[in-house]
N, C-alpha and C. Protein backbone atom coordinates (compact mmCIF):
# COMPACT_ATOMS: atom_id res chain seq x y z
N MET A 1 -11.32 -15.88 -4.28
CA MET A 1 -9.87 -15.90 -4.08
C MET A 1 -9.32 -14.48 -4.26
N PRO A 2 -8.54 -13.98 -3.31
CA PRO A 2 -7.97 -12.63 -3.43
C PRO A 2 -6.99 -12.55 -4.60
N GLN A 3 -6.87 -11.32 -5.10
CA GLN A 3 -5.93 -11.10 -6.20
C GLN A 3 -4.51 -11.33 -5.74
N LYS A 4 -3.69 -11.83 -6.67
CA LYS A 4 -2.27 -12.03 -6.39
C LYS A 4 -1.44 -10.86 -6.90
N GLU A 5 -1.98 -10.14 -7.90
CA GLU A 5 -1.27 -9.00 -8.49
C GLU A 5 -2.26 -7.93 -8.91
N ILE A 6 -1.77 -6.71 -8.89
CA ILE A 6 -2.50 -5.56 -9.44
C ILE A 6 -1.49 -4.77 -10.27
N SER A 7 -1.92 -4.35 -11.45
CA SER A 7 -1.08 -3.52 -12.31
C SER A 7 -1.76 -2.18 -12.51
N PHE A 8 -0.96 -1.12 -12.52
CA PHE A 8 -1.47 0.21 -12.84
C PHE A 8 -0.33 0.98 -13.47
N GLY A 9 -0.58 1.48 -14.68
CA GLY A 9 0.50 2.15 -15.42
C GLY A 9 1.69 1.22 -15.54
N PRO A 10 2.89 1.72 -15.30
CA PRO A 10 4.09 0.87 -15.41
C PRO A 10 4.35 0.05 -14.14
N PHE A 11 3.46 0.14 -13.14
CA PHE A 11 3.68 -0.50 -11.85
C PHE A 11 2.93 -1.83 -11.75
N ARG A 12 3.50 -2.73 -10.96
CA ARG A 12 2.86 -4.00 -10.67
C ARG A 12 3.13 -4.34 -9.20
N ILE A 13 2.06 -4.68 -8.49
CA ILE A 13 2.18 -5.11 -7.10
C ILE A 13 1.92 -6.61 -7.07
N ASN A 14 2.87 -7.35 -6.52
CA ASN A 14 2.69 -8.78 -6.29
C ASN A 14 2.50 -8.95 -4.79
N PHE A 15 1.27 -9.33 -4.40
CA PHE A 15 0.92 -9.42 -2.99
C PHE A 15 1.63 -10.60 -2.31
N GLU A 16 1.74 -11.72 -2.99
CA GLU A 16 2.37 -12.90 -2.39
C GLU A 16 3.84 -12.67 -2.10
N ARG A 17 4.54 -12.04 -3.02
CA ARG A 17 5.98 -11.79 -2.84
C ARG A 17 6.25 -10.46 -2.14
N ARG A 18 5.16 -9.69 -1.89
CA ARG A 18 5.29 -8.35 -1.29
C ARG A 18 6.31 -7.54 -2.07
N GLU A 19 6.03 -7.42 -3.37
CA GLU A 19 6.97 -6.77 -4.28
C GLU A 19 6.26 -5.74 -5.15
N LEU A 20 6.87 -4.58 -5.29
CA LEU A 20 6.41 -3.54 -6.20
C LEU A 20 7.46 -3.38 -7.28
N THR A 21 7.03 -3.40 -8.54
CA THR A 21 7.97 -3.18 -9.63
C THR A 21 7.46 -2.07 -10.53
N ARG A 22 8.40 -1.43 -11.20
CA ARG A 22 8.08 -0.43 -12.22
C ARG A 22 8.83 -0.85 -13.47
N ASP A 23 8.09 -1.10 -14.53
CA ASP A 23 8.67 -1.59 -15.78
C ASP A 23 9.55 -2.82 -15.52
N GLY A 24 9.11 -3.67 -14.59
CA GLY A 24 9.82 -4.91 -14.30
C GLY A 24 10.97 -4.78 -13.32
N LEU A 25 11.31 -3.56 -12.92
CA LEU A 25 12.41 -3.35 -11.98
C LEU A 25 11.87 -3.15 -10.57
N PRO A 26 12.44 -3.83 -9.58
CA PRO A 26 11.91 -3.72 -8.22
C PRO A 26 12.11 -2.34 -7.62
N ILE A 27 11.12 -1.93 -6.84
CA ILE A 27 11.17 -0.67 -6.10
C ILE A 27 11.13 -1.02 -4.62
N ARG A 28 12.09 -0.51 -3.89
CA ARG A 28 12.15 -0.79 -2.45
C ARG A 28 11.18 0.11 -1.70
N LEU A 29 10.40 -0.52 -0.84
CA LEU A 29 9.47 0.21 0.01
C LEU A 29 9.54 -0.37 1.41
N GLY A 30 9.32 0.48 2.39
CA GLY A 30 9.19 -0.02 3.75
C GLY A 30 7.92 -0.83 3.89
N GLY A 31 7.86 -1.64 4.91
CA GLY A 31 6.72 -2.54 5.11
C GLY A 31 5.39 -1.83 5.25
N ARG A 32 5.34 -0.78 6.06
CA ARG A 32 4.07 -0.07 6.25
C ARG A 32 3.66 0.68 4.99
N ALA A 33 4.61 1.28 4.29
CA ALA A 33 4.29 1.97 3.04
C ALA A 33 3.73 0.96 2.03
N PHE A 34 4.32 -0.24 1.99
CA PHE A 34 3.82 -1.27 1.08
C PHE A 34 2.41 -1.69 1.48
N ASP A 35 2.16 -1.84 2.78
CA ASP A 35 0.82 -2.22 3.25
C ASP A 35 -0.21 -1.17 2.86
N ILE A 36 0.13 0.12 3.02
CA ILE A 36 -0.78 1.19 2.63
C ILE A 36 -1.06 1.13 1.14
N LEU A 37 -0.02 0.95 0.34
CA LEU A 37 -0.19 0.85 -1.10
C LEU A 37 -1.12 -0.31 -1.47
N CYS A 38 -0.96 -1.43 -0.82
CA CYS A 38 -1.80 -2.60 -1.09
C CYS A 38 -3.27 -2.32 -0.76
N VAL A 39 -3.50 -1.69 0.38
CA VAL A 39 -4.88 -1.35 0.76
C VAL A 39 -5.50 -0.41 -0.26
N LEU A 40 -4.77 0.63 -0.64
CA LEU A 40 -5.30 1.61 -1.58
C LEU A 40 -5.50 1.02 -2.97
N ALA A 41 -4.54 0.24 -3.44
CA ALA A 41 -4.65 -0.36 -4.77
C ALA A 41 -5.78 -1.39 -4.82
N SER A 42 -5.99 -2.10 -3.74
CA SER A 42 -7.04 -3.12 -3.68
C SER A 42 -8.44 -2.51 -3.59
N ALA A 43 -8.53 -1.24 -3.26
CA ALA A 43 -9.82 -0.58 -3.10
C ALA A 43 -10.52 -0.36 -4.44
N ASP A 44 -9.82 -0.57 -5.54
CA ASP A 44 -10.41 -0.49 -6.88
C ASP A 44 -11.11 0.84 -7.12
N GLY A 45 -10.44 1.93 -6.71
CA GLY A 45 -10.97 3.26 -6.98
C GLY A 45 -11.93 3.78 -5.92
N GLU A 46 -12.30 2.95 -4.97
CA GLU A 46 -13.19 3.39 -3.89
C GLU A 46 -12.39 4.18 -2.85
N VAL A 47 -13.06 5.07 -2.17
CA VAL A 47 -12.42 5.86 -1.12
C VAL A 47 -12.13 4.96 0.08
N VAL A 48 -10.92 5.09 0.62
CA VAL A 48 -10.54 4.37 1.84
C VAL A 48 -10.40 5.42 2.93
N SER A 49 -11.20 5.28 3.98
CA SER A 49 -11.14 6.27 5.05
C SER A 49 -9.84 6.14 5.83
N LYS A 50 -9.49 7.22 6.49
CA LYS A 50 -8.30 7.23 7.33
C LYS A 50 -8.42 6.16 8.41
N ASP A 51 -9.60 6.04 9.01
CA ASP A 51 -9.79 5.06 10.08
C ASP A 51 -9.65 3.63 9.55
N GLU A 52 -10.20 3.37 8.38
CA GLU A 52 -10.08 2.03 7.79
C GLU A 52 -8.62 1.72 7.48
N LEU A 53 -7.93 2.70 6.94
CA LEU A 53 -6.52 2.52 6.61
C LEU A 53 -5.71 2.22 7.87
N MET A 54 -5.96 2.96 8.92
CA MET A 54 -5.22 2.73 10.16
C MET A 54 -5.55 1.35 10.75
N THR A 55 -6.80 0.94 10.67
CA THR A 55 -7.20 -0.36 11.19
C THR A 55 -6.56 -1.51 10.40
N ARG A 56 -6.47 -1.34 9.09
CA ARG A 56 -5.93 -2.43 8.26
C ARG A 56 -4.40 -2.47 8.25
N VAL A 57 -3.75 -1.33 8.40
CA VAL A 57 -2.29 -1.29 8.35
C VAL A 57 -1.67 -1.45 9.74
N TRP A 58 -2.34 -0.92 10.75
CA TRP A 58 -1.84 -1.01 12.13
C TRP A 58 -2.91 -1.66 13.00
N PRO A 59 -3.28 -2.91 12.74
CA PRO A 59 -4.37 -3.53 13.53
C PRO A 59 -3.99 -3.67 15.00
N GLY A 60 -4.87 -3.19 15.86
CA GLY A 60 -4.67 -3.34 17.29
C GLY A 60 -3.57 -2.48 17.88
N VAL A 61 -3.05 -1.52 17.10
CA VAL A 61 -1.96 -0.67 17.56
C VAL A 61 -2.43 0.78 17.52
N VAL A 62 -2.13 1.52 18.57
CA VAL A 62 -2.46 2.95 18.59
C VAL A 62 -1.27 3.70 18.00
N VAL A 63 -1.54 4.44 16.91
CA VAL A 63 -0.49 5.22 16.26
C VAL A 63 -1.02 6.62 15.97
N GLU A 64 -0.11 7.55 15.78
CA GLU A 64 -0.47 8.92 15.42
C GLU A 64 -0.96 8.95 13.97
N GLU A 65 -1.92 9.81 13.69
CA GLU A 65 -2.46 9.93 12.34
C GLU A 65 -1.40 10.35 11.32
N ASN A 66 -0.39 11.10 11.76
CA ASN A 66 0.61 11.57 10.80
C ASN A 66 1.45 10.43 10.24
N ASN A 67 1.35 9.23 10.83
CA ASN A 67 2.05 8.08 10.25
C ASN A 67 1.58 7.81 8.83
N ILE A 68 0.29 7.98 8.59
CA ILE A 68 -0.23 7.80 7.24
C ILE A 68 0.43 8.79 6.30
N GLN A 69 0.50 10.05 6.70
CA GLN A 69 1.08 11.08 5.85
C GLN A 69 2.55 10.80 5.55
N VAL A 70 3.29 10.35 6.54
CA VAL A 70 4.71 10.04 6.35
C VAL A 70 4.88 8.94 5.31
N HIS A 71 4.09 7.87 5.43
CA HIS A 71 4.25 6.75 4.52
C HIS A 71 3.71 7.07 3.12
N VAL A 72 2.62 7.82 3.04
CA VAL A 72 2.11 8.21 1.72
C VAL A 72 3.11 9.13 1.02
N SER A 73 3.76 9.98 1.77
CA SER A 73 4.80 10.83 1.20
C SER A 73 5.93 9.98 0.60
N ALA A 74 6.31 8.94 1.31
CA ALA A 74 7.35 8.02 0.79
C ALA A 74 6.86 7.34 -0.48
N LEU A 75 5.61 6.98 -0.53
CA LEU A 75 5.06 6.33 -1.73
C LEU A 75 5.08 7.29 -2.92
N ARG A 76 4.79 8.55 -2.69
CA ARG A 76 4.76 9.52 -3.77
C ARG A 76 6.14 9.74 -4.38
N LYS A 77 7.18 9.61 -3.55
CA LYS A 77 8.54 9.78 -4.07
C LYS A 77 8.88 8.64 -4.99
């Protein structure tokens, strides 16, 4: 059974509700940024290749590689 939540530091990701919180307070994220965060957090410390990330976040869609950079930048903020 897949995980329903992942916690790291003060953050908690609830996959079912598609919600990210910090110290219990919700953090607003765009859909693609949230999807990227879920893929990376679910990797459990393993490296996620750019190609794998693009396949899992944008399945069947051709997108520019800089889309990853844009969304990761939003996550860092």
